[in-house]
Amino acid sequence: MRKIFLSSLTLAVGGALAAIFAGYTARAADQVDIAVIAPLSGPNASVGEMIVNASKLAAEDVNTAGGIKSLGGAKLNLIIADATNDPQGAITTTERVLTQSKVAGAFGLALSPLTTAALPAFVKHHVPVITSAISDALVTPSNGGYLFQIAPKGSAFGNQQVEFLKFLNEKYKMGITKAAILYVNNPYGIATEKGIEQLAQKAGLDIVLNSAYPESITDASPLVSKVQQSGAQVLFPVSYISDAGLLLTALRSANSHVLVIGGGAGFIWPAIGQSLGDKVNGLTSVASWNLDSKNIKSDPKLAAVAARYSKTYNTFMPEQAGEAYAGISVLAAAIEAAGSADPAKVRLALQTLDVKSGGGALMQPGEVSFDANGANTHVMPVMIQWQNNVPHTVFPEAVATSAVTKP
């Protein structure tokens, strides 16, 4: 009798445990966790805010459309974490998130120094990450096949800026031959500066000033004095939000008439428009993404995404937000294609994915796929010009939807 009782008890306990684990598996299949790691504190907190806002919209759209259908309609669940504003903080946060949570993949970090620092953690935990960071050094065999760069490479930005200048010279006969380059001294700035320097020389421009400055700059007046003394007719600054504002304010204060062709980031985000008001109009800049490029404006569903962002967050949809929406959508497409939340399978899906529709098509020119090193093979930088206090796509003409207002 004792043996029969024990045997029955064992079966009962075993059955109960099996039921518990079966229930756990069913619940786990109801959602797929993905990490969104971005700077949410410090001077670049606005970057993280853009990313999180757009990531929430993208996840909401995926879930409203039926979730991950290959997983029975599993819903995307965002695990949002603060990468802080320094490389060590990015490492600590990424390690914590990947240790504590079983994620199918990740999006974020945005800034090249943070992404570079955190990358080994993704490799260690075998988790793929899509990033909007642009450093060329990120998309090399050294990333182990775990990093996917949805944005253009930093070196491509310089090319687009110089091509735009040639376009302006031809269209407006501006006769610009002397250029100055000011760039933030970090991987993003260095990569972009190299592209500008090499291609400006090929375009026949005389670089009369080429100067780096620290990320912690608080006064841009000395830099503007250097520009004026150099005799430069055009300035290529490569900056973030705070230093971009300092540079433009110093230029306005000095009554400088140098043509400014910005290096993205701070020159195209809402904060610069809020800071300068109507004075921002006419400013041109290179951008990883813009809200009215042809692939978006010609597709009502994609245009509606930008409109919804504006209505929800009371500002136009900025560069980092557009990339985040596209990135989360591409990650969802990879999970769908893999039919699994296993990050190893999601990584393999990302390597072969070719997105031509849905939220991933928000990234210009409307298609996303990655090469062997994780670089987006289709993307190109665009040139924007602030008009009526909003950045409009003005170059290249293949994706432009607005004409340039003569500076």
Protein backbone atom coordinates (compact mmCIF):
# COMPACT_ATOMS: atom_id res chain seq x y z
CA MET A 1 0.00 0.00 0.00
CA ARG A 2 2.85 2.38 0.90
CA LYS A 3 4.49 1.75 -2.49
CA ILE A 4 1.21 2.30 -4.31
CA PHE A 5 0.64 5.53 -2.38
CA LEU A 6 4.13 6.82 -3.14
CA SER A 7 3.76 5.89 -6.78
CA SER A 8 0.43 7.70 -7.01
CA LEU A 9 1.90 10.72 -5.22
CA THR A 10 4.83 10.78 -7.64
CA LEU A 11 2.47 10.65 -10.61
CA ALA A 12 0.31 13.39 -9.14
CA VAL A 13 3.25 15.68 -8.40
CA GLY A 14 4.77 14.94 -11.78
CA GLY A 15 1.49 15.70 -13.48
CA ALA A 16 1.13 18.94 -11.54
CA LEU A 17 4.65 20.03 -12.44
CA ALA A 18 4.06 19.13 -16.06
CA ALA A 19 0.92 21.24 -16.03
CA ILE A 20 2.80 24.14 -14.46
CA PHE A 21 5.58 24.00 -17.02
CA ALA A 22 3.09 23.57 -19.84
CA GLY A 23 1.31 26.67 -18.61
CA TYR A 24 4.63 28.54 -18.40
CA THR A 25 5.47 27.57 -21.98
CA ALA A 26 2.06 28.70 -23.20
CA ARG A 27 2.40 32.02 -21.41
CA ALA A 28 5.95 32.48 -22.69
CA ALA A 29 4.73 31.98 -26.25
CA ASP A 30 2.25 34.80 -25.74
CA GLN A 31 5.00 37.42 -25.89
CA VAL A 32 8.46 37.94 -27.28
CA ASP A 33 10.85 40.15 -25.34
CA ILE A 34 13.18 42.51 -27.18
CA ALA A 35 15.55 44.95 -25.53
CA VAL A 36 15.61 48.66 -26.28
CA ILE A 37 18.79 50.08 -24.77
CA ALA A 38 19.32 53.81 -25.23
CA PRO A 39 20.76 56.85 -23.41
CA LEU A 40 17.90 58.02 -21.22
CA SER A 41 19.93 60.21 -18.85
CA GLY A 42 22.63 62.83 -19.31
CA PRO A 43 23.09 65.30 -22.18
CA ASN A 44 21.95 62.81 -24.85
CA ALA A 45 18.77 61.76 -23.08
CA SER A 46 16.69 63.27 -25.90
CA VAL A 47 18.21 60.70 -28.25
CA GLY A 48 16.96 57.90 -26.04
CA GLU A 49 13.56 59.55 -25.75
CA MET A 50 13.19 59.60 -29.55
CA ILE A 51 14.16 55.93 -29.74
CA VAL A 52 11.82 54.80 -26.98
CA ASN A 53 8.87 56.81 -28.32
CA ALA A 54 9.18 55.34 -31.80
CA SER A 55 9.91 51.83 -30.50
CA LYS A 56 6.64 51.89 -28.57
CA LEU A 57 4.74 52.94 -31.69
CA ALA A 58 6.40 50.21 -33.76
CA ALA A 59 5.67 47.50 -31.18
CA GLU A 60 2.09 48.72 -30.89
CA ASP A 61 1.67 48.51 -34.67
CA VAL A 62 3.13 44.99 -34.83
CA ASN A 63 0.88 43.83 -32.00
CA THR A 64 -2.24 45.51 -33.41
CA ALA A 65 -1.60 43.81 -36.76
CA GLY A 66 -1.69 40.39 -35.11
CA GLY A 67 1.70 40.10 -33.44
CA ILE A 68 4.24 37.52 -34.57
CA LYS A 69 1.98 35.26 -36.60
CA SER A 70 4.52 32.45 -36.94
CA LEU A 71 4.47 32.25 -33.13
CA GLY A 72 0.70 32.13 -32.86
CA GLY A 73 0.26 35.88 -32.57
CA ALA A 74 2.85 36.43 -29.82
CA LYS A 75 3.07 40.08 -28.85
CA LEU A 76 6.24 42.13 -28.78
CA ASN A 77 7.25 43.24 -25.30
CA LEU A 78 9.85 45.99 -24.97
CA ILE A 79 12.41 45.81 -22.17
CA ILE A 80 13.59 49.41 -21.99
CA ALA A 81 16.89 50.25 -20.28
CA ASP A 82 19.05 53.32 -19.82
CA ALA A 83 22.45 53.01 -21.52
CA THR A 84 23.40 56.22 -19.66
CA ASN A 85 25.78 58.59 -21.39
CA ASP A 86 29.14 56.86 -21.11
CA PRO A 87 30.65 53.65 -22.49
CA GLN A 88 31.01 51.97 -19.09
CA GLY A 89 27.36 52.67 -18.35
CA ALA A 90 26.40 51.14 -21.70
CA ILE A 91 28.43 48.03 -20.90
CA THR A 92 26.91 47.65 -17.43
CA THR A 93 23.34 48.16 -18.62
CA THR A 94 23.66 45.82 -21.59
CA GLU A 95 25.25 43.09 -19.48
CA ARG A 96 22.48 43.41 -16.87
CA VAL A 97 19.65 43.29 -19.42
CA LEU A 98 21.06 40.32 -21.32
CA THR A 99 21.79 38.42 -18.11
CA GLN A 100 18.41 39.01 -16.48
CA SER A 101 16.16 38.70 -19.54
CA LYS A 102 15.86 36.20 -22.37
CA VAL A 103 15.48 38.52 -25.35
CA ALA A 104 15.09 37.59 -29.01
CA GLY A 105 17.13 40.61 -30.08
CA ALA A 106 17.81 44.23 -29.31
CA PHE A 107 17.69 47.72 -30.76
CA GLY A 108 19.42 50.86 -29.65
CA LEU A 109 22.52 52.48 -28.16
CA ALA A 110 22.46 54.96 -31.08
CA LEU A 111 25.74 56.69 -30.33
CA SER A 112 28.84 55.04 -31.77
CA PRO A 113 30.94 55.13 -28.54
CA LEU A 114 28.14 53.43 -26.58
CA THR A 115 27.52 50.85 -29.30
CA THR A 116 31.21 50.03 -29.65
CA ALA A 117 31.54 49.55 -25.89
CA ALA A 118 28.43 47.38 -25.52
CA LEU A 119 28.99 45.16 -28.58
CA PRO A 120 31.12 42.51 -26.79
CA ALA A 121 28.20 41.85 -24.42
CA PHE A 122 25.90 41.07 -27.34
CA VAL A 123 28.52 38.73 -28.79
CA LYS A 124 29.03 37.06 -25.41
CA HIS A 125 25.30 36.44 -24.94
CA HIS A 126 24.71 35.58 -28.61
CA VAL A 127 22.05 38.26 -29.04
CA PRO A 128 21.72 40.25 -32.31
CA VAL A 129 21.41 44.02 -32.07
CA ILE A 130 20.18 46.52 -34.65
CA THR A 131 21.70 49.96 -34.19
CA SER A 132 21.39 53.43 -35.65
CA ALA A 133 25.04 54.19 -34.77
CA ILE A 134 26.97 55.03 -37.93
CA SER A 135 30.66 54.34 -37.30
CA ASP A 136 32.24 52.36 -40.15
CA ALA A 137 34.25 50.39 -37.58
CA LEU A 138 31.05 48.73 -36.33
CA VAL A 139 30.33 46.89 -39.58
CA THR A 140 33.44 44.75 -39.90
CA PRO A 141 34.09 41.03 -39.27
CA SER A 142 35.12 41.94 -35.71
CA ASN A 143 31.46 42.38 -34.71
CA GLY A 144 31.08 38.60 -34.81
CA GLY A 145 27.97 38.80 -36.96
CA TYR A 146 25.80 40.11 -34.12
CA LEU A 147 25.54 43.79 -35.10
CA PHE A 148 23.24 45.11 -37.83
CA GLN A 149 23.58 48.78 -38.80
CA ILE A 150 20.32 50.13 -40.17
CA ALA A 151 21.76 53.63 -40.71
CA PRO A 152 24.22 54.69 -43.42
CA LYS A 153 27.93 54.37 -42.67
CA GLY A 154 29.64 57.50 -41.34
CA SER A 155 31.90 57.70 -44.39
CA ALA A 156 28.85 57.91 -46.66
CA PHE A 157 27.73 61.09 -44.90
CA GLY A 158 30.79 62.99 -46.06
CA ASN A 159 30.22 61.87 -49.61
CA GLN A 160 26.63 63.12 -49.59
CA GLN A 161 27.59 66.48 -48.09
CA VAL A 162 30.19 67.14 -50.79
CA GLU A 163 27.86 65.97 -53.57
CA PHE A 164 25.27 68.37 -52.20
CA LEU A 165 27.75 71.22 -52.30
CA LYS A 166 28.56 70.42 -55.92
CA PHE A 167 24.82 70.43 -56.61
CA LEU A 168 24.46 73.87 -55.00
CA ASN A 169 27.41 75.25 -56.96
CA GLU A 170 25.94 74.02 -60.22
CA LYS A 171 22.39 75.12 -59.47
CA TYR A 172 23.12 78.48 -57.84
CA LYS A 173 26.58 79.27 -59.26
CA MET A 174 27.82 79.99 -55.73
CA GLY A 175 31.51 79.56 -56.59
CA ILE A 176 32.42 77.97 -53.26
CA THR A 177 36.02 76.71 -53.18
CA LYS A 178 37.18 77.09 -49.55
CA ALA A 179 35.92 74.75 -46.85
CA ALA A 180 36.29 74.36 -43.08
CA ILE A 181 35.63 71.15 -41.14
CA LEU A 182 34.82 71.09 -37.42
CA TYR A 183 34.11 67.71 -35.86
CA VAL A 184 33.46 66.21 -32.45
CA ASN A 185 36.44 64.13 -31.38
CA ASN A 186 34.86 60.64 -31.10
CA PRO A 187 34.37 57.66 -33.46
CA TYR A 188 31.29 59.23 -35.06
CA GLY A 189 33.04 62.54 -35.72
CA ILE A 190 36.29 60.96 -36.88
CA ALA A 191 34.57 58.59 -39.33
CA THR A 192 32.47 61.38 -40.82
CA GLU A 193 35.39 63.82 -41.03
CA LYS A 194 37.49 61.34 -42.99
CA GLY A 195 34.77 61.05 -45.59
CA ILE A 196 34.34 64.81 -45.85
CA GLU A 197 38.08 65.46 -46.12
CA GLN A 198 38.74 62.89 -48.84
CA LEU A 199 35.75 63.73 -50.96
CA ALA A 200 36.06 67.49 -50.53
CA GLN A 201 39.54 67.24 -51.98
CA LYS A 202 38.25 65.17 -54.89
CA ALA A 203 35.60 67.83 -55.48
CA GLY A 204 38.35 70.45 -55.80
CA LEU A 205 37.67 72.22 -52.51
CA ASP A 206 40.53 73.77 -50.60
CA ILE A 207 40.25 72.73 -46.93
CA VAL A 208 41.47 75.82 -45.11
CA LEU A 209 40.54 74.57 -41.62
CA ASN A 210 40.20 71.05 -40.23
CA SER A 211 39.80 70.98 -36.46
CA ALA A 212 38.50 68.55 -33.84
CA TYR A 213 36.88 69.67 -30.60
CA PRO A 214 36.00 67.78 -27.38
CA GLU A 215 32.50 66.43 -26.69
CA SER A 216 32.41 68.52 -23.51
CA ILE A 217 32.65 71.88 -25.32
CA THR A 218 30.78 74.74 -23.60
CA ASP A 219 31.77 77.73 -25.75
CA ALA A 220 31.98 77.61 -29.56
CA SER A 221 33.17 81.22 -30.01
CA PRO A 222 36.85 80.26 -30.40
CA LEU A 223 35.90 77.75 -33.09
CA VAL A 224 33.87 80.34 -34.98
CA SER A 225 36.80 82.77 -34.80
CA LYS A 226 38.98 80.09 -36.42
CA VAL A 227 36.42 79.67 -39.21
CA GLN A 228 36.28 83.40 -39.90
CA GLN A 229 40.05 83.76 -39.89
CA SER A 230 40.42 80.86 -42.33
CA GLY A 231 38.36 82.57 -45.04
CA ALA A 232 36.16 79.49 -45.44
CA GLN A 233 33.00 79.92 -47.51
CA VAL A 234 31.38 76.70 -46.33
CA LEU A 235 31.53 74.96 -42.96
CA PHE A 236 31.06 71.23 -42.46
CA PRO A 237 30.35 70.71 -38.74
CA VAL A 238 29.93 67.19 -37.33
CA SER A 239 28.08 67.63 -34.05
CA TYR A 240 25.46 66.45 -31.57
CA ILE A 241 22.61 68.53 -30.11
CA SER A 242 24.41 70.63 -27.51
CA ASP A 243 27.51 71.46 -29.56
CA ALA A 244 25.45 72.07 -32.72
CA GLY A 245 23.41 74.66 -30.86
CA LEU A 246 26.55 76.31 -29.50
CA LEU A 247 28.11 76.51 -32.97
CA LEU A 248 25.06 77.97 -34.66
CA THR A 249 24.45 80.48 -31.90
CA ALA A 250 28.08 81.61 -32.07
CA LEU A 251 27.88 81.93 -35.87
CA ARG A 252 24.73 84.06 -35.61
CA SER A 253 26.31 86.24 -32.93
CA ALA A 254 29.36 86.81 -35.14
CA ASN A 255 27.14 87.71 -38.13
CA SER A 256 28.91 85.01 -40.10
CA HIS A 257 27.68 84.39 -43.65
CA VAL A 258 29.44 81.07 -44.06
CA LEU A 259 27.21 78.39 -45.58
CA VAL A 260 26.64 75.66 -42.97
CA ILE A 261 26.19 72.09 -44.17
CA GLY A 262 25.66 70.15 -40.97
CA GLY A 263 26.82 66.65 -40.16
CA GLY A 264 23.49 65.31 -38.92
CA ALA A 265 22.49 64.58 -35.31
CA GLY A 266 22.03 67.89 -33.48
CA PHE A 267 21.49 69.83 -36.71
CA ILE A 268 18.32 67.94 -37.59
CA TRP A 269 16.66 67.12 -34.27
CA PRO A 270 13.78 69.13 -32.78
CA ALA A 271 15.90 70.73 -30.04
CA ILE A 272 17.86 72.86 -32.52
CA GLY A 273 14.66 74.22 -34.02
CA GLN A 274 13.25 74.93 -30.60
CA SER A 275 16.47 76.71 -29.63
CA LEU A 276 16.84 78.88 -32.74
CA GLY A 277 13.21 79.41 -33.73
CA ASP A 278 12.85 80.87 -37.23
CA LYS A 279 16.61 81.38 -37.44
CA VAL A 280 16.96 77.66 -38.10
CA ASN A 281 15.25 77.98 -41.48
CA GLY A 282 17.68 77.67 -44.38
CA LEU A 283 20.12 75.50 -42.43
CA THR A 284 21.10 72.39 -44.37
CA SER A 285 22.40 69.12 -42.99
CA VAL A 286 23.05 65.52 -43.85
CA ALA A 287 20.76 62.98 -42.17
CA SER A 288 20.48 59.23 -41.71
CA TRP A 289 16.73 59.50 -42.23
CA ASN A 290 14.06 62.12 -42.78
CA LEU A 291 10.31 62.06 -42.39
CA ASP A 292 9.34 63.17 -45.91
CA SER A 293 11.71 61.21 -48.16
CA LYS A 294 10.01 59.88 -51.28
CA ASN A 295 9.55 56.29 -50.01
CA ILE A 296 7.53 57.67 -47.07
CA LYS A 297 5.60 60.44 -48.76
CA SER A 298 4.50 58.13 -51.57
CA ASP A 299 3.16 55.45 -49.18
CA PRO A 300 0.07 56.53 -47.18
CA LYS A 301 0.72 53.90 -44.49
CA LEU A 302 4.28 55.08 -43.90
CA ALA A 303 3.26 58.75 -44.03
CA ALA A 304 0.64 57.94 -41.40
CA VAL A 305 3.38 56.66 -39.07
CA ALA A 306 5.15 60.02 -39.17
CA ALA A 307 1.85 61.84 -38.71
CA ARG A 308 0.93 59.68 -35.72
CA TYR A 309 4.30 60.28 -34.10
CA SER A 310 3.77 64.03 -34.47
CA LYS A 311 0.28 63.86 -32.99
CA THR A 312 1.38 61.63 -30.11
CA TYR A 313 4.55 63.46 -29.12
CA ASN A 314 3.85 67.02 -30.30
CA THR A 315 6.87 67.24 -32.58
CA PHE A 316 7.84 66.09 -36.05
CA MET A 317 9.28 62.57 -36.26
CA PRO A 318 13.06 63.04 -36.00
CA GLU A 319 15.91 60.96 -37.42
CA GLN A 320 16.52 58.67 -34.44
CA ALA A 321 12.79 58.01 -34.11
CA GLY A 322 12.46 57.00 -37.77
CA GLU A 323 15.40 54.63 -37.50
CA ALA A 324 14.04 53.11 -34.29
CA TYR A 325 10.61 52.50 -35.79
CA ALA A 326 12.20 50.87 -38.83
CA GLY A 327 14.65 48.91 -36.66
CA ILE A 328 11.99 47.45 -34.35
CA SER A 329 9.91 46.57 -37.43
CA VAL A 330 12.86 44.81 -39.06
CA LEU A 331 13.57 42.90 -35.86
CA ALA A 332 9.93 41.82 -35.74
CA ALA A 333 10.16 40.70 -39.38
CA ALA A 334 13.23 38.61 -38.51
CA ILE A 335 11.43 36.96 -35.58
CA GLU A 336 8.50 36.28 -37.90
CA ALA A 337 10.79 34.77 -40.54
CA ALA A 338 12.65 32.68 -37.95
CA GLY A 339 9.41 31.44 -36.43
CA SER A 340 11.27 31.59 -33.14
CA ALA A 341 12.27 33.89 -30.29
CA ASP A 342 15.65 32.13 -30.11
CA PRO A 343 18.20 34.93 -30.67
CA ALA A 344 20.48 32.57 -32.62
CA LYS A 345 17.70 31.90 -35.13
CA VAL A 346 16.71 35.58 -35.23
CA ARG A 347 20.32 36.48 -36.01
CA LEU A 348 20.35 34.05 -38.95
CA ALA A 349 17.07 35.51 -40.21
CA LEU A 350 18.49 39.03 -40.07
CA GLN A 351 21.45 37.95 -42.17
CA THR A 352 19.19 36.86 -45.05
CA LEU A 353 16.22 39.20 -44.62
CA ASP A 354 15.14 41.56 -47.42
CA VAL A 355 12.45 43.95 -46.18
CA LYS A 356 10.52 45.84 -48.86
CA SER A 357 7.24 46.53 -47.09
CA GLY A 358 5.81 47.16 -43.67
CA GLY A 359 7.44 49.32 -41.02
CA GLY A 360 10.98 48.43 -42.11
CA ALA A 361 10.33 50.17 -45.45
CA LEU A 362 10.22 53.45 -43.52
CA MET A 363 14.03 53.48 -43.92
CA GLN A 364 14.96 55.13 -47.19
CA PRO A 365 14.94 54.16 -49.99
CA GLY A 366 12.21 51.73 -48.84
CA GLU A 367 14.22 48.51 -48.57
CA VAL A 368 16.46 46.99 -45.88
CA SER A 369 18.90 44.08 -46.13
CA PHE A 370 22.29 43.51 -44.57
CA ASP A 371 25.63 42.46 -46.02
CA ALA A 372 28.03 39.94 -44.48
CA ASN A 373 29.33 42.56 -42.03
CA GLY A 374 25.89 43.82 -40.99
CA ALA A 375 25.79 47.01 -43.07
CA ASN A 376 22.46 48.02 -44.63
CA THR A 377 23.10 47.52 -48.36
CA HIS A 378 20.40 49.88 -49.64
CA VAL A 379 20.43 52.87 -47.32
CA MET A 380 21.80 56.27 -48.28
CA PRO A 381 22.14 59.51 -46.32
CA VAL A 382 19.86 62.36 -47.36
CA MET A 383 20.30 66.11 -47.23
CA ILE A 384 17.67 68.14 -45.45
CA GLN A 385 16.93 71.83 -45.28
CA TRP A 386 14.96 73.45 -42.50
CA GLN A 387 11.91 75.09 -44.07
CA ASN A 388 8.99 76.38 -42.01
CA ASN A 389 10.72 75.01 -38.90
CA VAL A 390 10.70 71.39 -40.14
CA PRO A 391 13.50 69.49 -41.95
CA HIS A 392 12.59 68.69 -45.59
CA THR A 393 14.40 66.21 -47.85
CA VAL A 394 16.09 68.18 -50.64
CA PHE A 395 18.85 65.87 -51.92
CA PRO A 396 19.63 63.53 -53.62
CA GLU A 397 16.97 64.26 -56.17
CA ALA A 398 16.01 60.56 -56.40
CA VAL A 399 14.50 60.71 -52.88
CA ALA A 400 13.92 64.46 -52.48
CA THR A 401 10.41 65.83 -52.10
CA SER A 402 11.22 69.54 -51.65
CA ALA A 403 13.25 72.06 -53.61
CA VAL A 404 16.21 73.82 -51.96
CA THR A 405 15.55 77.34 -50.75
CA LYS A 406 18.56 79.37 -51.86
CA PRO A 407 20.75 80.13 -48.82
